[in-house]
C-alpha atoms as a PDB file:
ATOM      1  CA  MET A   1      -3.779   9.357   9.026  1.00  0.00           C
ATOM      2  CA  PRO A   2      -0.481  10.204  10.737  1.00  0.00           C
ATOM      3  CA  ARG A   3       2.627   9.947   8.671  1.00  0.00           C
ATOM      4  CA  LYS A   4       4.811   7.024   9.452  1.00  0.00           C
ATOM      5  CA  HIS A   5       8.371   7.896  10.597  1.00  0.00           C
ATOM      6  CA  VAL A   6       9.581   4.318  10.548  1.00  0.00           C
ATOM      7  CA  LYS A   7      10.454   3.367   6.995  1.00  0.00           C
ATOM      8  CA  LYS A   8      10.210  -0.114   5.817  1.00  0.00           C
ATOM      9  CA  HIS A   9      12.458  -1.145   3.008  1.00  0.00           C
ATOM     10  CA  ARG A  10      12.836  -4.494   1.399  1.00  0.00           C
ATOM     11  CA  LYS A  11      16.102  -5.631   0.032  1.00  0.00           C
ATOM     12  CA  THR A  12      16.557  -8.462  -2.412  1.00  0.00           C
ATOM     13  CA  VAL A  13      17.226 -11.632  -0.382  1.00  0.00           C
ATOM     14  CA  GLY A  14      20.675 -13.060  -1.076  1.00  0.00           C
ATOM     15  CA  ALA A  15      21.836 -10.076  -3.024  1.00  0.00           C
ATOM     16  CA  ALA A  16      25.603  -9.603  -3.016  1.00  0.00           C
ATOM     17  CA  PRO A  17      27.175  -6.786  -0.901  1.00  0.00           C
ATOM     18  CA  GLY A  18      27.469  -3.672  -2.998  1.00  0.00           C
ATOM     19  CA  THR A  19      24.428  -4.428  -5.227  1.00  0.00           C
ATOM     20  CA  LEU A  20      23.129  -1.073  -6.446  1.00  0.00           C
ATOM     21  CA  VAL A  21      19.391  -0.807  -5.844  1.00  0.00           C
ATOM     22  CA  HIS A  22      17.599   2.318  -4.741  1.00  0.00           C
ATOM     23  CA  LEU A  23      15.642   1.675  -1.587  1.00  0.00           C
ATOM     24  CA  GLY A  24      13.479   4.573  -0.554  1.00  0.00           C
ATOM     25  CA  GLU A  25      10.849   6.941  -1.775  1.00  0.00           C
ATOM     26  CA  ARG A  26      11.255   8.502  -5.189  1.00  0.00           C
ATOM     27  CA  LYS A  27      10.935  12.210  -4.217  1.00  0.00           C
ATOM     28  CA  ILE A  28      11.474  13.909  -7.562  1.00  0.00           C
ATOM     29  CA  GLU A  29      10.930  12.907 -11.239  1.00  0.00           C
ATOM     30  CA  THR A  30      14.104  14.227 -12.880  1.00  0.00           C
ATOM     31  CA  VAL A  31      17.636  13.889 -11.483  1.00  0.00           C
ATOM     32  CA  ARG A  32      19.542  17.152 -11.325  1.00  0.00           C
ATOM     33  CA  LEU A  33      23.378  17.296 -11.359  1.00  0.00           C
ATOM     34  CA  ARG A  34      24.963  20.686 -10.381  1.00  0.00           C
ATOM     35  CA  VAL A  35      28.636  21.435 -10.396  1.00  0.00           C
ATOM     36  CA  ILE A  36      30.405  24.411  -8.775  1.00  0.00           C
ATOM     37  CA  ASP A  37      34.097  24.605  -9.380  1.00  0.00           C
ATOM     38  CA  TYR A  38      36.070  27.480  -7.695  1.00  0.00           C
ATOM     39  CA  ASP A  39      39.120  28.900  -6.081  1.00  0.00           C
ATOM     40  CA  ALA A  40      39.874  32.307  -4.675  1.00  0.00           C
ATOM     41  CA  GLU A  41      39.889  34.038  -8.127  1.00  0.00           C
ATOM     42  CA  THR A  42      37.645  31.905 -10.357  1.00  0.00           C
ATOM     43  CA  LEU A  43      34.260  30.411 -10.245  1.00  0.00           C
ATOM     44  CA  GLN A  44      32.376  28.207 -12.680  1.00  0.00           C
ATOM     45  CA  GLU A  45      28.884  26.958 -12.076  1.00  0.00           C
ATOM     46  CA  ARG A  46      26.822  24.728 -14.354  1.00  0.00           C
ATOM     47  CA  ASP A  47      24.126  22.115 -14.633  1.00  0.00           C
ATOM     48  CA  LEU A  48      24.994  18.838 -16.341  1.00  0.00           C
ATOM     49  CA  PRO A  49      22.523  16.347 -17.835  1.00  0.00           C
ATOM     50  CA  ALA A  50      22.164  13.425 -15.589  1.00  0.00           C
ATOM     51  CA  GLY A  51      23.256  11.032 -18.323  1.00  0.00           C
ATOM     52  CA  GLU A  52      26.595  12.850 -18.720  1.00  0.00           C
ATOM     53  CA  ALA A  53      27.809  12.344 -15.108  1.00  0.00           C
ATOM     54  CA  SER A  54      31.093  11.095 -16.558  1.00  0.00           C
ATOM     55  CA  ARG A  55      31.925  14.760 -17.473  1.00  0.00           C
ATOM     56  CA  CYS A  56      32.701  15.303 -13.772  1.00  0.00           C
ATOM     57  CA  CYS A  57      35.695  12.995 -13.977  1.00  0.00           C
ATOM     58  CA  PRO A  58      38.262  15.585 -15.091  1.00  0.00           C
ATOM     59  CA  LEU A  59      37.409  17.788 -12.117  1.00  0.00           C
ATOM     60  CA  ARG A  60      39.150  15.229  -9.884  1.00  0.00           C
ATOM     61  CA  GLU A  61      42.528  16.282 -11.318  1.00  0.00           C
ATOM     62  CA  THR A  62      42.017  20.061 -11.245  1.00  0.00           C
ATOM     63  CA  PRO A  63      43.657  22.240  -8.512  1.00  0.00           C
ATOM     64  CA  THR A  64      40.425  24.047  -7.820  1.00  0.00           C
ATOM     65  CA  VAL A  65      37.707  22.909  -5.326  1.00  0.00           C
ATOM     66  CA  SER A  66      34.713  21.109  -6.921  1.00  0.00           C
ATOM     67  CA  TRP A  67      31.352  20.712  -5.428  1.00  0.00           C
ATOM     68  CA  ILE A  68      29.213  18.186  -7.197  1.00  0.00           C
ATOM     69  CA  ASN A  69      25.506  18.038  -5.975  1.00  0.00           C
ATOM     70  CA  LEU A  70      23.137  15.322  -7.103  1.00  0.00           C
ATOM     71  CA  ASP A  71      19.390  15.727  -6.561  1.00  0.00           C
ATOM     72  CA  GLY A  72      17.515  12.452  -6.875  1.00  0.00           C
ATOM     73  CA  LEU A  73      18.808   8.967  -6.140  1.00  0.00           C
ATOM     74  CA  HIS A  74      16.554   6.718  -8.111  1.00  0.00           C
ATOM     75  CA  GLN A  75      18.748   6.708 -11.324  1.00  0.00           C
ATOM     76  CA  VAL A  76      21.395   4.126 -10.167  1.00  0.00           C
ATOM     77  CA  GLU A  77      23.441   4.568 -13.323  1.00  0.00           C
ATOM     78  CA  VAL A  78      24.184   8.181 -12.475  1.00  0.00           C
ATOM     79  CA  ILE A  79      25.438   7.413  -9.034  1.00  0.00           C
ATOM     80  CA  GLU A  80      27.422   4.410 -10.468  1.00  0.00           C
ATOM     81  CA  ALA A  81      29.054   6.814 -12.975  1.00  0.00           C
ATOM     82  CA  LEU A  82      30.110   9.224 -10.295  1.00  0.00           C
ATOM     83  CA  GLY A  83      31.400   6.387  -8.168  1.00  0.00           C
ATOM     84  CA  GLY A  84      33.473   5.227 -11.087  1.00  0.00           C
ATOM     85  CA  CYS A  85      34.931   8.686 -11.653  1.00  0.00           C
ATOM     86  CA  TYR A  86      35.986   9.179  -8.012  1.00  0.00           C
ATOM     87  CA  GLY A  87      36.805   5.574  -7.018  1.00  0.00           C
ATOM     88  CA  LEU A  88      34.006   5.112  -4.561  1.00  0.00           C
ATOM     89  CA  HIS A  89      33.700   1.735  -2.948  1.00  0.00           C
ATOM     90  CA  PRO A  90      30.609  -0.320  -4.012  1.00  0.00           C
ATOM     91  CA  LEU A  91      29.402  -0.479  -0.396  1.00  0.00           C
ATOM     92  CA  VAL A  92      29.497   3.322  -0.206  1.00  0.00           C
ATOM     93  CA  LEU A  93      27.401   3.554  -3.307  1.00  0.00           C
ATOM     94  CA  GLU A  94      24.993   0.995  -1.738  1.00  0.00           C
ATOM     95  CA  ASP A  95      24.686   3.132   1.375  1.00  0.00           C
ATOM     96  CA  ILE A  96      23.971   6.191  -0.635  1.00  0.00           C
ATOM     97  CA  LEU A  97      21.127   4.461  -2.350  1.00  0.00           C
ATOM     98  CA  HIS A  98      19.576   2.999   0.797  1.00  0.00           C
ATOM     99  CA  THR A  99      17.975   6.075   2.296  1.00  0.00           C
ATOM    100  CA  ASP A 100      17.220   4.653   5.769  1.00  0.00           C
ATOM    101  CA  GLN A 101      20.923   4.880   6.886  1.00  0.00           C
ATOM    102  CA  ARG A 102      21.769   6.001  10.318  1.00  0.00           C
ATOM    103  CA  PRO A 103      24.128   9.182  10.344  1.00  0.00           C
ATOM    104  CA  LYS A 104      27.644   7.934  10.364  1.00  0.00           C
ATOM    105  CA  LEU A 105      31.265   8.590   9.198  1.00  0.00           C
ATOM    106  CA  GLU A 106      33.363   6.097   7.278  1.00  0.00           C
ATOM    107  CA  ALA A 107      37.059   6.792   6.464  1.00  0.00           C
ATOM    108  CA  TYR A 108      38.566   5.391   3.294  1.00  0.00           C
ATOM    109  CA  GLU A 109      42.144   5.921   1.980  1.00  0.00           C
ATOM    110  CA  GLU A 110      41.313   8.613  -0.455  1.00  0.00           C
ATOM    111  CA  TYR A 111      37.964  10.064   0.869  1.00  0.00           C
ATOM    112  CA  LEU A 112      35.626  10.347   3.824  1.00  0.00           C
ATOM    113  CA  PHE A 113      31.986   9.291   3.573  1.00  0.00           C
ATOM    114  CA  LEU A 114      29.401  10.982   5.746  1.00  0.00           C
ATOM    115  CA  VAL A 115      25.687  10.290   6.080  1.00  0.00           C
ATOM    116  CA  LEU A 116      23.300  12.750   7.783  1.00  0.00           C
ATOM    117  CA  LYS A 117      19.657  13.613   7.906  1.00  0.00           C
ATOM    118  CA  MET A 118      18.368  16.897   6.600  1.00  0.00           C
ATOM    119  CA  LEU A 119      15.051  17.829   8.342  1.00  0.00           C
ATOM    120  CA  HIS A 120      12.512  20.582   7.595  1.00  0.00           C
ATOM    121  CA  PHE A 121       9.041  21.498   8.807  1.00  0.00           C
ATOM    122  CA  ASP A 122       6.198  21.073   6.223  1.00  0.00           C
ATOM    123  CA  GLU A 123       3.886  24.035   6.798  1.00  0.00           C
ATOM    124  CA  GLU A 124       1.015  22.552   4.894  1.00  0.00           C
ATOM    125  CA  THR A 125       0.787  19.190   6.797  1.00  0.00           C
ATOM    126  CA  ALA A 126       2.480  20.580  10.038  1.00  0.00           C
ATOM    127  CA  GLU A 127       4.763  17.597   9.940  1.00  0.00           C
ATOM    128  CA  VAL A 128       8.604  17.058  10.088  1.00  0.00           C
ATOM    129  CA  ARG A 129      10.025  15.780   6.839  1.00  0.00           C
ATOM    130  CA  THR A 130      13.365  14.006   6.669  1.00  0.00           C
ATOM    131  CA  GLU A 131      15.797  13.481   3.850  1.00  0.00           C
ATOM    132  CA  GLN A 132      19.119  11.543   3.732  1.00  0.00           C
ATOM    133  CA  VAL A 133      22.165  13.421   2.495  1.00  0.00           C
ATOM    134  CA  GLY A 134      25.400  11.636   1.611  1.00  0.00           C
ATOM    135  CA  LEU A 135      28.701  13.489   1.487  1.00  0.00           C
ATOM    136  CA  ILE A 136      31.957  12.434  -0.052  1.00  0.00           C
ATOM    137  CA  LEU A 137      34.907  14.490   1.083  1.00  0.00           C
ATOM    138  CA  GLY A 138      38.022  14.115  -1.200  1.00  0.00           C
ATOM    139  CA  PRO A 139      41.245  16.069  -1.440  1.00  0.00           C
ATOM    140  CA  ARG A 140      39.754  18.772  -3.677  1.00  0.00           C
ATOM    141  CA  HIS A 141      36.155  17.805  -4.080  1.00  0.00           C
ATOM    142  CA  VAL A 142      32.921  17.256  -2.195  1.00  0.00           C
ATOM    143  CA  ILE A 143      30.126  15.217  -3.666  1.00  0.00           C
ATOM    144  CA  SER A 144      26.629  15.581  -2.063  1.00  0.00           C
ATOM    145  CA  PHE A 145      23.785  13.116  -2.722  1.00  0.00           C
ATOM    146  CA  GLN A 146      20.268  14.301  -1.883  1.00  0.00           C
ATOM    147  CA  GLU A 147      16.865  12.679  -2.342  1.00  0.00           C
ATOM    148  CA  LYS A 148      15.186  15.746  -3.894  1.00  0.00           C
ATOM    149  CA  GLU A 149      15.779  19.218  -5.021  1.00  0.00           C
ATOM    150  CA  GLY A 150      15.462  22.022  -2.530  1.00  0.00           C
ATOM    151  CA  ASP A 151      17.734  22.105   0.455  1.00  0.00           C
ATOM    152  CA  VAL A 152      19.446  24.206   3.195  1.00  0.00           C
ATOM    153  CA  PHE A 153      22.584  24.628   1.112  1.00  0.00           C
ATOM    154  CA  GLU A 154      21.591  27.680  -0.855  1.00  0.00           C
ATOM    155  CA  PRO A 155      23.240  30.054   1.581  1.00  0.00           C
ATOM    156  CA  VAL A 156      26.406  28.142   1.021  1.00  0.00           C
ATOM    157  CA  ARG A 157      26.098  28.499  -2.726  1.00  0.00           C
ATOM    158  CA  GLU A 158      25.522  32.210  -2.275  1.00  0.00           C
ATOM    159  CA  ARG A 159      28.703  32.598  -0.225  1.00  0.00           C
ATOM    160  CA  ILE A 160      30.644  30.810  -2.877  1.00  0.00           C
ATOM    161  CA  ARG A 161      29.127  32.901  -5.690  1.00  0.00           C
ATOM    162  CA  HIS A 162      29.745  36.176  -4.005  1.00  0.00           C
ATOM    163  CA  GLY A 163      33.157  35.242  -2.423  1.00  0.00           C
ATOM    164  CA  LYS A 164      31.868  36.118   1.067  1.00  0.00           C
ATOM    165  CA  GLY A 165      33.904  35.032   3.999  1.00  0.00           C
ATOM    166  CA  ARG A 166      36.727  32.556   3.779  1.00  0.00           C
ATOM    167  CA  ILE A 167      35.059  29.750   1.870  1.00  0.00           C
ATOM    168  CA  ARG A 168      36.645  30.554  -1.477  1.00  0.00           C
ATOM    169  CA  ARG A 169      40.075  30.635   0.175  1.00  0.00           C
ATOM    170  CA  MET A 170      39.710  27.408   2.010  1.00  0.00           C
ATOM    171  CA  GLY A 171      39.782  23.802   0.794  1.00  0.00           C
ATOM    172  CA  ALA A 172      37.256  21.084   0.275  1.00  0.00           C
ATOM    173  CA  ASP A 173      37.265  20.257   4.021  1.00  0.00           C
ATOM    174  CA  TYR A 174      35.941  23.662   4.782  1.00  0.00           C
ATOM    175  CA  LEU A 175      33.245  23.288   2.236  1.00  0.00           C
ATOM    176  CA  ALA A 176      32.188  19.991   3.849  1.00  0.00           C
ATOM    177  CA  TYR A 177      32.074  21.842   7.203  1.00  0.00           C
ATOM    178  CA  ALA A 178      29.923  24.585   5.691  1.00  0.00           C
ATOM    179  CA  LEU A 179      27.404  21.992   4.491  1.00  0.00           C
ATOM    180  CA  LEU A 180      27.303  20.306   7.803  1.00  0.00           C
ATOM    181  CA  ASP A 181      26.982  23.625   9.575  1.00  0.00           C
ATOM    182  CA  ALA A 182      23.988  24.479   7.267  1.00  0.00           C
ATOM    183  CA  VAL A 183      22.313  21.263   8.190  1.00  0.00           C
ATOM    184  CA  VAL A 184      22.779  21.723  11.922  1.00  0.00           C
ATOM    185  CA  ASP A 185      21.565  25.410  11.702  1.00  0.00           C
ATOM    186  CA  SER A 186      18.382  24.185   9.999  1.00  0.00           C
ATOM    187  CA  TYR A 187      17.808  21.960  13.129  1.00  0.00           C
ATOM    188  CA  PHE A 188      17.535  25.205  15.214  1.00  0.00           C
ATOM    189  CA  VAL A 189      14.884  26.625  12.978  1.00  0.00           C
ATOM    190  CA  LEU A 190      12.951  23.319  13.046  1.00  0.00           C
ATOM    191  CA  LEU A 191      13.174  23.161  16.901  1.00  0.00           C
ATOM    192  CA  GLU A 192      11.872  26.798  17.191  1.00  0.00           C
ATOM    193  CA  LYS A 193       8.783  25.746  15.268  1.00  0.00           C
ATOM    194  CA  ILE A 194       8.289  22.641  17.361  1.00  0.00           C
ATOM    195  CA  GLY A 195       8.748  24.794  20.506  1.00  0.00           C
ATOM    196  CA  ASP A 196       5.906  27.101  19.359  1.00  0.00           C
ATOM    197  CA  ARG A 197       3.716  23.988  18.732  1.00  0.00           C
ATOM    198  CA  ILE A 198       4.518  22.708  22.273  1.00  0.00           C
ATOM    199  CA  GLU A 199       3.537  26.046  23.792  1.00  0.00           C
ATOM    200  CA  LEU A 200       0.300  26.223  21.707  1.00  0.00           C
ATOM    201  CA  LEU A 201      -0.666  22.701  22.760  1.00  0.00           C
ATOM    202  CA  GLU A 202       0.070  23.455  26.504  1.00  0.00           C
ATOM    203  CA  GLU A 203      -2.285  26.449  26.272  1.00  0.00           C
ATOM    204  CA  GLU A 204      -5.038  24.415  24.575  1.00  0.00           C
ATOM    205  CA  LEU A 205      -4.658  21.695  27.124  1.00  0.00           C
ATOM    206  CA  VAL A 206      -5.155  24.097  30.111  1.00  0.00           C
ATOM    207  CA  ALA A 207      -8.162  25.728  28.330  1.00  0.00           C
ATOM    208  CA  SER A 208     -10.073  22.711  26.990  1.00  0.00           C
ATOM    209  CA  PRO A 209      -8.458  19.300  26.638  1.00  0.00           C
ATOM    210  CA  SER A 210      -9.901  17.172  23.869  1.00  0.00           C
ATOM    211  CA  PRO A 211      -9.201  13.868  21.999  1.00  0.00           C
ATOM    212  CA  ASP A 212      -7.881  15.874  19.079  1.00  0.00           C
ATOM    213  CA  ILE A 213      -5.205  17.377  21.293  1.00  0.00           C
ATOM    214  CA  LEU A 214      -4.151  13.996  22.487  1.00  0.00           C
ATOM    215  CA  HIS A 215      -3.807  12.837  18.831  1.00  0.00           C
ATOM    216  CA  ARG A 216      -1.517  15.878  18.139  1.00  0.00           C
ATOM    217  CA  ILE A 217       0.578  15.123  21.208  1.00  0.00           C
ATOM    218  CA  HIS A 218       1.183  11.533  20.027  1.00  0.00           C
ATOM    219  CA  ASN A 219       2.174  12.902  16.565  1.00  0.00           C
ATOM    220  CA  LEU A 220       4.582  15.365  18.199  1.00  0.00           C
ATOM    221  CA  LYS A 221       5.950  12.554  20.298  1.00  0.00           C
ATOM    222  CA  ARG A 222       6.782  10.530  17.177  1.00  0.00           C
ATOM    223  CA  GLU A 223       8.471  13.469  15.674  1.00  0.00           C
ATOM    224  CA  MET A 224      10.652  13.992  18.694  1.00  0.00           C
ATOM    225  CA  ILE A 225      11.691  10.357  18.306  1.00  0.00           C
ATOM    226  CA  LEU A 226      12.580  11.028  14.660  1.00  0.00           C
ATOM    227  CA  LEU A 227      14.609  14.120  15.749  1.00  0.00           C
ATOM    228  CA  ARG A 228      16.526  12.157  18.342  1.00  0.00           C
ATOM    229  CA  ARG A 229      17.350   9.430  15.866  1.00  0.00           C
ATOM    230  CA  SER A 230      18.690  12.000  13.465  1.00  0.00           C
ATOM    231  CA  VAL A 231      20.599  14.247  15.883  1.00  0.00           C
ATOM    232  CA  TRP A 232      22.137  11.934  18.381  1.00  0.00           C
ATOM    233  CA  PRO A 233      24.260  10.002  15.848  1.00  0.00           C
ATOM    234  CA  LEU A 234      25.246  13.247  14.093  1.00  0.00           C
ATOM    235  CA  ARG A 235      26.967  14.199  17.335  1.00  0.00           C
ATOM    236  CA  GLU A 236      29.055  11.087  17.124  1.00  0.00           C
ATOM    237  CA  VAL A 237      29.801  11.888  13.411  1.00  0.00           C
ATOM    238  CA  ILE A 238      31.059  15.414  14.255  1.00  0.00           C
ATOM    239  CA  SER A 239      33.121  14.036  17.174  1.00  0.00           C
ATOM    240  CA  ALA A 240      34.630  11.340  14.935  1.00  0.00           C
ATOM    241  CA  LEU A 241      35.413  13.861  12.173  1.00  0.00           C
ATOM    242  CA  GLN A 242      37.314  15.917  14.807  1.00  0.00           C
ATOM    243  CA  ARG A 243      39.326  12.933  15.999  1.00  0.00           C
ATOM    244  CA  GLU A 244      39.944  11.550  12.534  1.00  0.00           C
ATOM    245  CA  GLU A 245      43.631  11.536  11.655  1.00  0.00           C
ATOM    246  CA  SER A 246      43.256  12.218   8.027  1.00  0.00           C
ATOM    247  CA  ALA A 247      45.103  14.533   5.739  1.00  0.00           C
ATOM    248  CA  LEU A 248      41.738  15.461   4.180  1.00  0.00           C
ATOM    249  CA  VAL A 249      40.808  17.503   7.282  1.00  0.00           C
ATOM    250  CA  ARG A 250      43.378  20.313   7.867  1.00  0.00           C
ATOM    251  CA  PRO A 251      44.268  21.632  11.286  1.00  0.00           C
ATOM    252  CA  GLU A 252      42.796  25.070  10.429  1.00  0.00           C
ATOM    253  CA  THR A 253      39.368  23.448   9.975  1.00  0.00           C
ATOM    254  CA  ASP A 254      39.509  21.788  13.389  1.00  0.00           C
ATOM    255  CA  VAL A 255      38.368  24.915  15.249  1.00  0.00           C
ATOM    256  CA  PHE A 256      35.320  25.145  13.038  1.00  0.00           C
ATOM    257  CA  LEU A 257      34.510  21.538  13.651  1.00  0.00           C
ATOM    258  CA  ARG A 258      34.751  22.083  17.361  1.00  0.00           C
ATOM    259  CA  ASP A 259      32.268  24.987  17.083  1.00  0.00           C
ATOM    260  CA  LEU A 260      29.957  22.741  15.058  1.00  0.00           C
ATOM    261  CA  TYR A 261      30.237  20.066  17.705  1.00  0.00           C
ATOM    262  CA  ASP A 262      29.122  22.605  20.333  1.00  0.00           C
ATOM    263  CA  HIS A 263      26.151  23.477  18.163  1.00  0.00           C
ATOM    264  CA  THR A 264      25.222  19.816  17.810  1.00  0.00           C
ATOM    265  CA  ILE A 265      25.339  19.356  21.612  1.00  0.00           C
ATOM    266  CA  GLN A 266      22.980  22.370  21.982  1.00  0.00           C
ATOM    267  CA  VAL A 267      20.583  20.769  19.505  1.00  0.00           C
ATOM    268  CA  VAL A 268      20.747  17.525  21.392  1.00  0.00           C
ATOM    269  CA  ASP A 269      20.054  19.244  24.682  1.00  0.00           C
ATOM    270  CA  THR A 270      17.143  21.016  23.193  1.00  0.00           C
ATOM    271  CA  VAL A 271      15.671  17.835  21.717  1.00  0.00           C
ATOM    272  CA  GLU A 272      15.934  16.138  25.137  1.00  0.00           C
ATOM    273  CA  THR A 273      14.287  19.095  26.767  1.00  0.00           C
ATOM    274  CA  TYR A 274      11.425  19.079  24.290  1.00  0.00           C
ATOM    275  CA  ARG A 275      10.969  15.320  24.667  1.00  0.00           C
ATOM    276  CA  ASP A 276      10.464  15.874  28.449  1.00  0.00           C
ATOM    277  CA  LEU A 277       8.006  18.748  27.640  1.00  0.00           C
ATOM    278  CA  VAL A 278       6.047  16.476  25.263  1.00  0.00           C
ATOM    279  CA  ALA A 279       5.959  13.718  27.990  1.00  0.00           C
ATOM    280  CA  GLY A 280       4.798  16.373  30.311  1.00  0.00           C
ATOM    281  CA  LEU A 281       2.048  17.383  27.939  1.00  0.00           C
ATOM    282  CA  LEU A 282       0.711  13.889  27.962  1.00  0.00           C
ATOM    283  CA  ASP A 283       0.607  13.953  31.813  1.00  0.00           C
ATOM    284  CA  LEU A 284      -0.969  17.347  31.715  1.00  0.00           C
ATOM    285  CA  HIS A 285      -3.712  15.992  29.347  1.00  0.00           C
ATOM    286  CA  LEU A 286      -4.461  13.083  31.635  1.00  0.00           C
ATOM    287  CA  SER A 287      -4.466  15.342  34.654  1.00  0.00           C
ATOM    288  CA  SER A 288      -6.711  17.882  33.053  1.00  0.00           C
ATOM    289  CA  VAL A 289      -9.227  15.201  31.923  1.00  0.00           C
ATOM    290  CA  SER A 290      -9.046  13.737  35.455  1.00  0.00           C
ATOM    291  CA  ASN A 291      -9.640  17.196  37.002  1.00  0.00           C
ATOM    292  CA  ARG A 292     -12.574  17.898  34.801  1.00  0.00           C
ATOM    293  CA  MET A 293     -14.116  14.581  35.579  1.00  0.00           C
ATOM    294  CA  ASN A 294     -13.614  15.204  39.287  1.00  0.00           C
ATOM    295  CA  GLU A 295     -15.314  18.643  38.927  1.00  0.00           C
ATOM    296  CA  VAL A 296     -18.271  17.042  37.199  1.00  0.00           C
ATOM    297  CA  MET A 297     -18.421  14.223  39.745  1.00  0.00           C
ATOM    298  CA  LYS A 298     -18.278  16.788  42.573  1.00  0.00           C
ATOM    299  CA  VAL A 299     -21.162  18.826  41.254  1.00  0.00           C
ATOM    300  CA  LEU A 300     -23.192  15.669  40.709  1.00  0.00           C
ATOM    301  CA  THR A 301     -22.329  14.331  44.131  1.00  0.00           C
ATOM    302  CA  LEU A 302     -23.274  17.599  45.856  1.00  0.00           C
ATOM    303  CA  THR A 303     -26.550  17.841  43.755  1.00  0.00           C
ATOM    304  CA  ALA A 304     -27.451  14.365  44.800  1.00  0.00           C
ATOM    305  CA  THR A 305     -26.660  15.103  48.428  1.00  0.00           C
ATOM    306  CA  ILE A 306     -28.952  18.073  48.454  1.00  0.00           C
ATOM    307  CA  PHE A 307     -31.736  15.975  47.032  1.00  0.00           C
ATOM    308  CA  ILE A 308     -31.324  13.173  49.558  1.00  0.00           C
ATOM    309  CA  PRO A 309     -33.120  14.933  52.417  1.00  0.00           C
ATOM    310  CA  LEU A 310     -35.747  16.202  50.027  1.00  0.00           C
ATOM    311  CA  THR A 311     -36.372  12.737  48.827  1.00  0.00           C
ATOM    312  CA  PHE A 312     -36.601  11.535  52.376  1.00  0.00           C
ATOM    313  CA  MET A 313     -39.177  14.133  53.299  1.00  0.00           C
ATOM    314  CA  ALA A 314     -41.228  13.483  50.151  1.00  0.00           C
ATOM    315  CA  GLY A 315     -41.055   9.679  50.920  1.00  0.00           C
ATOM    316  CA  ILE A 316     -42.318  10.146  54.476  1.00  0.00           C
ATOM    317  CA  TYR A 317     -45.320  12.117  53.425  1.00  0.00           C
ATOM    318  CA  GLY A 318     -45.918  10.046  50.393  1.00  0.00           C
ATOM    319  CA  MET A 319     -46.898   7.013  52.501  1.00  0.00           C
ATOM    320  CA  ASN A 320     -50.423   5.852  52.591  1.00  0.00           C
ATOM    321  CA  PHE A 321     -50.954   5.505  56.443  1.00  0.00           C
ATOM    322  CA  ASP A 322     -54.246   6.606  57.860  1.00  0.00           C
ATOM    323  CA  PHE A 323     -52.986   8.060  61.135  1.00  0.00           C
ATOM    324  CA  MET A 324     -50.671  10.746  59.908  1.00  0.00           C
ATOM    325  CA  PRO A 325     -52.124  14.050  61.436  1.00  0.00           C
ATOM    326  CA  GLU A 326     -49.951  16.222  59.164  1.00  0.00           C
ATOM    327  CA  LEU A 327     -51.759  14.977  56.152  1.00  0.00           C
ATOM    328  CA  HIS A 328     -54.942  16.581  57.327  1.00  0.00           C
ATOM    329  CA  TRP A 329     -53.577  19.917  58.234  1.00  0.00           C
ATOM    330  CA  ARG A 330     -54.661  22.909  56.089  1.00  0.00           C
ATOM    331  CA  TRP A 331     -51.210  24.235  55.597  1.00  0.00           C
ATOM    332  CA  SER A 332     -49.267  21.009  55.422  1.00  0.00           C
ATOM    333  CA  TYR A 333     -48.433  21.243  51.685  1.00  0.00           C
ATOM    334  CA  PRO A 334     -46.874  24.716  51.691  1.00  0.00           C
ATOM    335  CA  LEU A 335     -45.130  24.060  55.046  1.00  0.00           C
ATOM    336  CA  LEU A 336     -43.580  20.959  53.523  1.00  0.00           C
ATOM    337  CA  TRP A 337     -42.490  22.994  50.449  1.00  0.00           C
ATOM    338  CA  LEU A 338     -41.003  25.653  52.782  1.00  0.00           C
ATOM    339  CA  ALA A 339     -39.148  23.040  54.748  1.00  0.00           C
ATOM    340  CA  MET A 340     -37.731  21.385  51.648  1.00  0.00           C
ATOM    341  CA  VAL A 341     -36.587  24.704  50.134  1.00  0.00           C
ATOM    342  CA  GLY A 342     -35.051  25.723  53.472  1.00  0.00           C
ATOM    343  CA  VAL A 343     -33.145  22.460  53.749  1.00  0.00           C
ATOM    344  CA  ALA A 344     -31.885  22.756  50.148  1.00  0.00           C
ATOM    345  CA  ALA A 345     -30.851  26.384  50.632  1.00  0.00           C
ATOM    346  CA  GLY A 346     -29.129  25.635  53.864  1.00  0.00           C
ATOM    347  CA  MET A 347     -27.157  22.748  52.468  1.00  0.00           C
ATOM    348  CA  TYR A 348     -26.186  24.967  49.473  1.00  0.00           C
ATOM    349  CA  LEU A 349     -24.923  27.729  51.739  1.00  0.00           C
ATOM    350  CA  PHE A 350     -23.032  25.200  53.818  1.00  0.00           C
ATOM    351  CA  PHE A 351     -21.334  23.722  50.789  1.00  0.00           C
ATOM    352  CA  ARG A 352     -20.359  27.200  49.522  1.00  0.00           C
ATOM    353  CA  ARG A 353     -18.930  28.242  52.875  1.00  0.00           C
ATOM    354  CA  ARG A 354     -16.841  24.969  52.873  1.00  0.00           C
ATOM    355  CA  LYS A 355     -15.726  25.953  49.316  1.00  0.00           C
ATOM    356  CA  TRP A 356     -17.001  22.615  47.876  1.00  0.00           C
ATOM    357  CA  LEU A 357     -19.029  24.561  45.264  1.00  0.00           C
END
C-alpha cells in the first residue's frame, strides 16, 4: 500500500487554545535532550535526562551560546518545562506538539519561532519521509524540537566541536541560520535521488510500459506534492526572516540569509521542474500504451486484410453449384493454392514497400 502523505489528526473538540496535546506519530520511544553550550574559547556538550529539562533554565542567563535539541515530542511535560524556562507562549508550545504545521515564522518580543520540514529519502521503502522541526531563536540560545533522533544537523555539531569556520565566533542567529542551511542542503540530496528515479522511470517507460510503472509514477507525483508543500512556504519563511526588524538577527547574518534564500529559490525551481517531468512521465506512459496498442491493431488489421481475398477465393470455390467447370479440372486445387499464396505474398510485399509493416 502507498504511504499516505496527508496526515489526519484529531484535536479535542472545544479544547482551549494553548492546550498541550501531542498530535502526530510517535517516532521514537525515549525522548533525548542534548545541550551544546559554547563560545569562541569554550565548549560544553552533554545529554540530560528528559525529566530534568528544568536544568536548562540557567543557560538562559549565561553569555555563551546554547543549543538545546529535543528528540521526541510525545512527552508533553518536557516541552512544557522548556517552555516555562524560556518564556514560550502556550500557542507556540501547541504548534510544536502539532506535527502537521505549515512552515512559518512567528515573531515574539523575546524570541522568534520557526517551523520547517526536514525531508529524507528512505532507501528501504524508496519513499520520502517528512519530519517537523521547530526552532526557537533567542538572544543567546536556540532550541530545536524534532520528532525523532537522527537528523541533518550532525555536520553543524561537528563544526561546533572542532571550531571550524565562524560558527563559534558568531551568535545564536548564525547558529539558527546554520541549522536552516543544513535542512535546505538536504533538499538538494533528496532532489538528486528523485531525479535519478525520474530518469529510471523514463527509460523503463520507453522500453516496456507496465501497470507497475504507472503505480510508481503516481507515488512519485504524491511525493512531489509533499515536497512542494514543504519547500514553497519555507521560501516565505526565509524571506520574512530577512525582512524581520528584530534585534535577534544581526546585520552580519543578513548576507548569509540572502544566500540561503537563493538556495531555497533554486530548490523551488527544481521541484517545479520535476513536477513537470513527472506530469510528462504520465503523458509518456499513456502515449506509449497507445502506441503499442496502435502497433498491435495495425498488425492485426493488415493480417486480416491479407486474409480477406483468400477468404473470398475459398468462399467462391466452396459453393456447391453443379456448373462450375473449375471444380472438375485436374489441377484446380494446386492452382487455387498457388493463386492464394501469390495474392498473400503480393499484398505482403505491397505493405512492406509502403512501410506499413
